[in-house]
């Protein structure tokens, strides 16, 4: 009986760690904003504009599945609004993304507007060429430990 109790106790300790997730709102916010900023710089460069990532002061506000769902854990029901300052400290701009986050902290963000920023798979570059839009869909990863 003692051995059974020890096995049950060990199983309970192991099970306590199961189902927990290193995927949190704060971690996703902290990962997706700088990734977006660097890709925004790339997009604007393709369009012939010079922008620095540091000047954007990008920040993200991500949530999962509505008010009744905890903002943690993997899933395809994350949504993020990214805000940055485009032309000066008083002009905030927003973009929306639907985000699929895996248990290992890797994510795919799919542009959800505005259409001229992230709603099209291609954009017209400054030289007139049609090129892939770096903000249409992008991937990244963050530490879940």
C-alpha atoms as a PDB file:
ATOM      1  CA  UNK A   1       0.000   0.000   0.000  1.00  0.00           C
ATOM      2  CA  UNK A   2       2.882   2.321   0.753  1.00  0.00           C
ATOM      3  CA  UNK A   3       4.353   1.765  -2.700  1.00  0.00           C
ATOM      4  CA  UNK A   4       0.983   2.523  -4.282  1.00  0.00           C
ATOM      5  CA  UNK A   5       0.782   5.790  -2.313  1.00  0.00           C
ATOM      6  CA  UNK A   6       4.278   6.766  -3.457  1.00  0.00           C
ATOM      7  CA  UNK A   7       3.408   6.009  -7.084  1.00  0.00           C
ATOM      8  CA  UNK A   8       0.214   8.063  -6.844  1.00  0.00           C
ATOM      9  CA  UNK A   9       2.112  10.952  -5.247  1.00  0.00           C
ATOM     10  CA  UNK A  10       4.800  10.832  -7.956  1.00  0.00           C
ATOM     11  CA  UNK A  11       2.159  10.751 -10.676  1.00  0.00           C
ATOM     12  CA  UNK A  12       0.407  13.739  -9.123  1.00  0.00           C
ATOM     13  CA  UNK A  13       3.657  15.729  -9.071  1.00  0.00           C
ATOM     14  CA  UNK A  14       4.358  14.877 -12.707  1.00  0.00           C
ATOM     15  CA  UNK A  15       0.802  15.671 -13.774  1.00  0.00           C
ATOM     16  CA  UNK A  16       1.018  19.083 -12.136  1.00  0.00           C
ATOM     17  CA  UNK A  17       3.463  20.151 -14.839  1.00  0.00           C
ATOM     18  CA  UNK A  18       1.350  18.736 -17.656  1.00  0.00           C
ATOM     19  CA  UNK A  19      -0.969  21.119 -19.375  1.00  0.00           C
ATOM     20  CA  UNK A  20       0.903  24.201 -18.241  1.00  0.00           C
ATOM     21  CA  UNK A  21       2.182  26.422 -20.960  1.00  0.00           C
ATOM     22  CA  UNK A  22       4.972  28.878 -21.439  1.00  0.00           C
ATOM     23  CA  UNK A  23       2.790  30.561 -24.055  1.00  0.00           C
ATOM     24  CA  UNK A  24       1.571  33.756 -22.426  1.00  0.00           C
ATOM     25  CA  UNK A  25       0.143  37.048 -23.557  1.00  0.00           C
ATOM     26  CA  UNK A  26       3.209  38.938 -22.324  1.00  0.00           C
ATOM     27  CA  UNK A  27       5.630  36.653 -24.169  1.00  0.00           C
ATOM     28  CA  UNK A  28       3.686  36.883 -27.415  1.00  0.00           C
ATOM     29  CA  UNK A  29       3.379  40.677 -27.086  1.00  0.00           C
ATOM     30  CA  UNK A  30       7.122  40.985 -26.478  1.00  0.00           C
ATOM     31  CA  UNK A  31       7.987  38.758 -29.453  1.00  0.00           C
ATOM     32  CA  UNK A  32       5.606  39.899 -32.153  1.00  0.00           C
ATOM     33  CA  UNK A  33       6.086  43.683 -31.823  1.00  0.00           C
ATOM     34  CA  UNK A  34       9.817  43.794 -32.695  1.00  0.00           C
ATOM     35  CA  UNK A  35       9.361  41.210 -35.449  1.00  0.00           C
ATOM     36  CA  UNK A  36       6.645  43.391 -36.948  1.00  0.00           C
ATOM     37  CA  UNK A  37       8.818  46.515 -36.614  1.00  0.00           C
ATOM     38  CA  UNK A  38      11.722  44.968 -38.517  1.00  0.00           C
ATOM     39  CA  UNK A  39       9.422  43.693 -41.257  1.00  0.00           C
ATOM     40  CA  UNK A  40       7.715  47.087 -41.467  1.00  0.00           C
ATOM     41  CA  UNK A  41      11.140  48.665 -42.047  1.00  0.00           C
ATOM     42  CA  UNK A  42      11.740  46.116 -44.822  1.00  0.00           C
ATOM     43  CA  UNK A  43       8.345  46.814 -46.399  1.00  0.00           C
ATOM     44  CA  UNK A  44       8.885  50.552 -46.337  1.00  0.00           C
ATOM     45  CA  UNK A  45      12.377  50.124 -47.800  1.00  0.00           C
ATOM     46  CA  UNK A  46      10.855  48.167 -50.677  1.00  0.00           C
ATOM     47  CA  UNK A  47       8.469  51.074 -51.184  1.00  0.00           C
ATOM     48  CA  UNK A  48      11.390  53.523 -51.266  1.00  0.00           C
ATOM     49  CA  UNK A  49      10.923  54.982 -47.786  1.00  0.00           C
ATOM     50  CA  UNK A  50      13.493  55.101 -45.006  1.00  0.00           C
ATOM     51  CA  UNK A  51      12.233  54.116 -41.557  1.00  0.00           C
ATOM     52  CA  UNK A  52      14.127  52.942 -38.477  1.00  0.00           C
ATOM     53  CA  UNK A  53      12.667  50.195 -36.274  1.00  0.00           C
ATOM     54  CA  UNK A  54      13.625  52.039 -33.090  1.00  0.00           C
ATOM     55  CA  UNK A  55      11.642  55.112 -34.178  1.00  0.00           C
ATOM     56  CA  UNK A  56       8.444  53.081 -34.573  1.00  0.00           C
ATOM     57  CA  UNK A  57       8.166  52.196 -30.861  1.00  0.00           C
ATOM     58  CA  UNK A  58       5.989  49.237 -31.863  1.00  0.00           C
ATOM     59  CA  UNK A  59       3.966  47.480 -29.192  1.00  0.00           C
ATOM     60  CA  UNK A  60       1.498  44.626 -29.356  1.00  0.00           C
ATOM     61  CA  UNK A  61      -1.721  43.858 -27.537  1.00  0.00           C
ATOM     62  CA  UNK A  62      -2.583  40.202 -28.041  1.00  0.00           C
ATOM     63  CA  UNK A  63      -5.503  38.266 -26.659  1.00  0.00           C
ATOM     64  CA  UNK A  64      -6.899  34.824 -27.069  1.00  0.00           C
ATOM     65  CA  UNK A  65     -10.421  33.840 -28.088  1.00  0.00           C
ATOM     66  CA  UNK A  66     -12.369  36.588 -26.349  1.00  0.00           C
ATOM     67  CA  UNK A  67     -13.021  37.652 -22.773  1.00  0.00           C
ATOM     68  CA  UNK A  68     -13.930  34.182 -21.479  1.00  0.00           C
ATOM     69  CA  UNK A  69     -10.682  32.528 -22.607  1.00  0.00           C
ATOM     70  CA  UNK A  70      -7.437  32.774 -20.644  1.00  0.00           C
ATOM     71  CA  UNK A  71      -4.699  34.678 -22.483  1.00  0.00           C
ATOM     72  CA  UNK A  72      -2.280  31.772 -22.347  1.00  0.00           C
ATOM     73  CA  UNK A  73      -1.652  28.524 -24.140  1.00  0.00           C
ATOM     74  CA  UNK A  74      -1.163  27.435 -27.703  1.00  0.00           C
ATOM     75  CA  UNK A  75      -3.920  27.768 -30.257  1.00  0.00           C
ATOM     76  CA  UNK A  76      -5.125  29.351 -33.452  1.00  0.00           C
ATOM     77  CA  UNK A  77      -7.468  31.783 -31.727  1.00  0.00           C
ATOM     78  CA  UNK A  78      -4.996  34.527 -30.812  1.00  0.00           C
ATOM     79  CA  UNK A  79      -5.504  38.024 -32.213  1.00  0.00           C
ATOM     80  CA  UNK A  80      -2.982  40.843 -31.969  1.00  0.00           C
ATOM     81  CA  UNK A  81      -3.259  44.554 -32.548  1.00  0.00           C
ATOM     82  CA  UNK A  82       0.108  46.134 -33.185  1.00  0.00           C
ATOM     83  CA  UNK A  83       0.466  49.863 -32.630  1.00  0.00           C
ATOM     84  CA  UNK A  84       3.396  51.941 -33.807  1.00  0.00           C
ATOM     85  CA  UNK A  85       4.249  55.579 -34.427  1.00  0.00           C
ATOM     86  CA  UNK A  86       4.672  56.205 -38.110  1.00  0.00           C
ATOM     87  CA  UNK A  87       5.400  59.879 -38.706  1.00  0.00           C
ATOM     88  CA  UNK A  88       5.890  61.290 -35.250  1.00  0.00           C
ATOM     89  CA  UNK A  89       5.266  60.769 -31.566  1.00  0.00           C
ATOM     90  CA  UNK A  90       1.622  61.804 -31.796  1.00  0.00           C
ATOM     91  CA  UNK A  91       0.522  59.712 -34.785  1.00  0.00           C
ATOM     92  CA  UNK A  92      -0.291  56.133 -33.764  1.00  0.00           C
ATOM     93  CA  UNK A  93      -1.120  53.539 -36.419  1.00  0.00           C
ATOM     94  CA  UNK A  94      -2.619  50.061 -35.866  1.00  0.00           C
ATOM     95  CA  UNK A  95      -2.501  46.747 -37.689  1.00  0.00           C
ATOM     96  CA  UNK A  96      -4.407  43.563 -36.873  1.00  0.00           C
ATOM     97  CA  UNK A  97      -3.205  39.975 -37.086  1.00  0.00           C
ATOM     98  CA  UNK A  98      -4.772  36.577 -36.526  1.00  0.00           C
ATOM     99  CA  UNK A  99      -2.095  34.482 -34.849  1.00  0.00           C
ATOM    100  CA  UNK A 100      -1.564  30.738 -34.524  1.00  0.00           C
ATOM    101  CA  UNK A 101       0.764  29.931 -31.609  1.00  0.00           C
ATOM    102  CA  UNK A 102       2.306  26.492 -31.104  1.00  0.00           C
ATOM    103  CA  UNK A 103       3.277  24.965 -27.763  1.00  0.00           C
ATOM    104  CA  UNK A 104       6.969  25.510 -28.538  1.00  0.00           C
ATOM    105  CA  UNK A 105       6.440  29.288 -28.785  1.00  0.00           C
ATOM    106  CA  UNK A 106       6.574  29.517 -32.563  1.00  0.00           C
ATOM    107  CA  UNK A 107       3.823  31.510 -34.201  1.00  0.00           C
ATOM    108  CA  UNK A 108       2.424  32.509 -37.577  1.00  0.00           C
ATOM    109  CA  UNK A 109       0.808  35.927 -37.879  1.00  0.00           C
ATOM    110  CA  UNK A 110      -1.656  36.439 -40.727  1.00  0.00           C
ATOM    111  CA  UNK A 111      -2.431  40.037 -41.707  1.00  0.00           C
ATOM    112  CA  UNK A 112      -5.984  41.126 -41.023  1.00  0.00           C
ATOM    113  CA  UNK A 113      -5.825  44.804 -41.972  1.00  0.00           C
ATOM    114  CA  UNK A 114      -5.470  47.482 -42.962  1.00  0.00           C
ATOM    115  CA  UNK A 115      -5.469  46.080 -46.484  1.00  0.00           C
ATOM    116  CA  UNK A 116      -2.788  48.378 -47.892  1.00  0.00           C
ATOM    117  CA  UNK A 117      -0.380  47.360 -45.123  1.00  0.00           C
ATOM    118  CA  UNK A 118      -0.865  43.628 -44.539  1.00  0.00           C
ATOM    119  CA  UNK A 119      -3.945  42.555 -46.474  1.00  0.00           C
ATOM    120  CA  UNK A 120      -2.276  41.816 -49.792  1.00  0.00           C
ATOM    121  CA  UNK A 121       0.247  39.069 -50.531  1.00  0.00           C
ATOM    122  CA  UNK A 122       2.216  41.347 -52.849  1.00  0.00           C
ATOM    123  CA  UNK A 123       3.023  45.049 -52.967  1.00  0.00           C
ATOM    124  CA  UNK A 124       4.423  47.347 -55.615  1.00  0.00           C
ATOM    125  CA  UNK A 125       8.029  48.282 -54.910  1.00  0.00           C
ATOM    126  CA  UNK A 126       9.476  51.729 -55.564  1.00  0.00           C
ATOM    127  CA  UNK A 127      10.878  50.522 -58.908  1.00  0.00           C
ATOM    128  CA  UNK A 128       7.446  49.281 -60.029  1.00  0.00           C
ATOM    129  CA  UNK A 129       8.183  45.596 -59.456  1.00  0.00           C
ATOM    130  CA  UNK A 130       5.623  43.355 -57.764  1.00  0.00           C
ATOM    131  CA  UNK A 131       7.239  41.849 -54.659  1.00  0.00           C
ATOM    132  CA  UNK A 132       6.171  39.724 -51.694  1.00  0.00           C
ATOM    133  CA  UNK A 133       4.660  41.759 -48.873  1.00  0.00           C
ATOM    134  CA  UNK A 134       6.722  40.977 -45.752  1.00  0.00           C
ATOM    135  CA  UNK A 135       3.809  42.002 -43.510  1.00  0.00           C
ATOM    136  CA  UNK A 136       1.147  39.840 -45.159  1.00  0.00           C
ATOM    137  CA  UNK A 137       2.142  36.769 -43.138  1.00  0.00           C
ATOM    138  CA  UNK A 138       5.172  36.200 -40.941  1.00  0.00           C
ATOM    139  CA  UNK A 139       6.572  33.689 -38.483  1.00  0.00           C
ATOM    140  CA  UNK A 140       8.556  33.965 -35.302  1.00  0.00           C
ATOM    141  CA  UNK A 141       9.364  32.157 -32.080  1.00  0.00           C
ATOM    142  CA  UNK A 142       9.790  33.070 -28.437  1.00  0.00           C
ATOM    143  CA  UNK A 143      11.185  31.343 -25.389  1.00  0.00           C
ATOM    144  CA  UNK A 144       8.557  29.430 -23.409  1.00  0.00           C
ATOM    145  CA  UNK A 145      10.723  28.569 -20.408  1.00  0.00           C
END
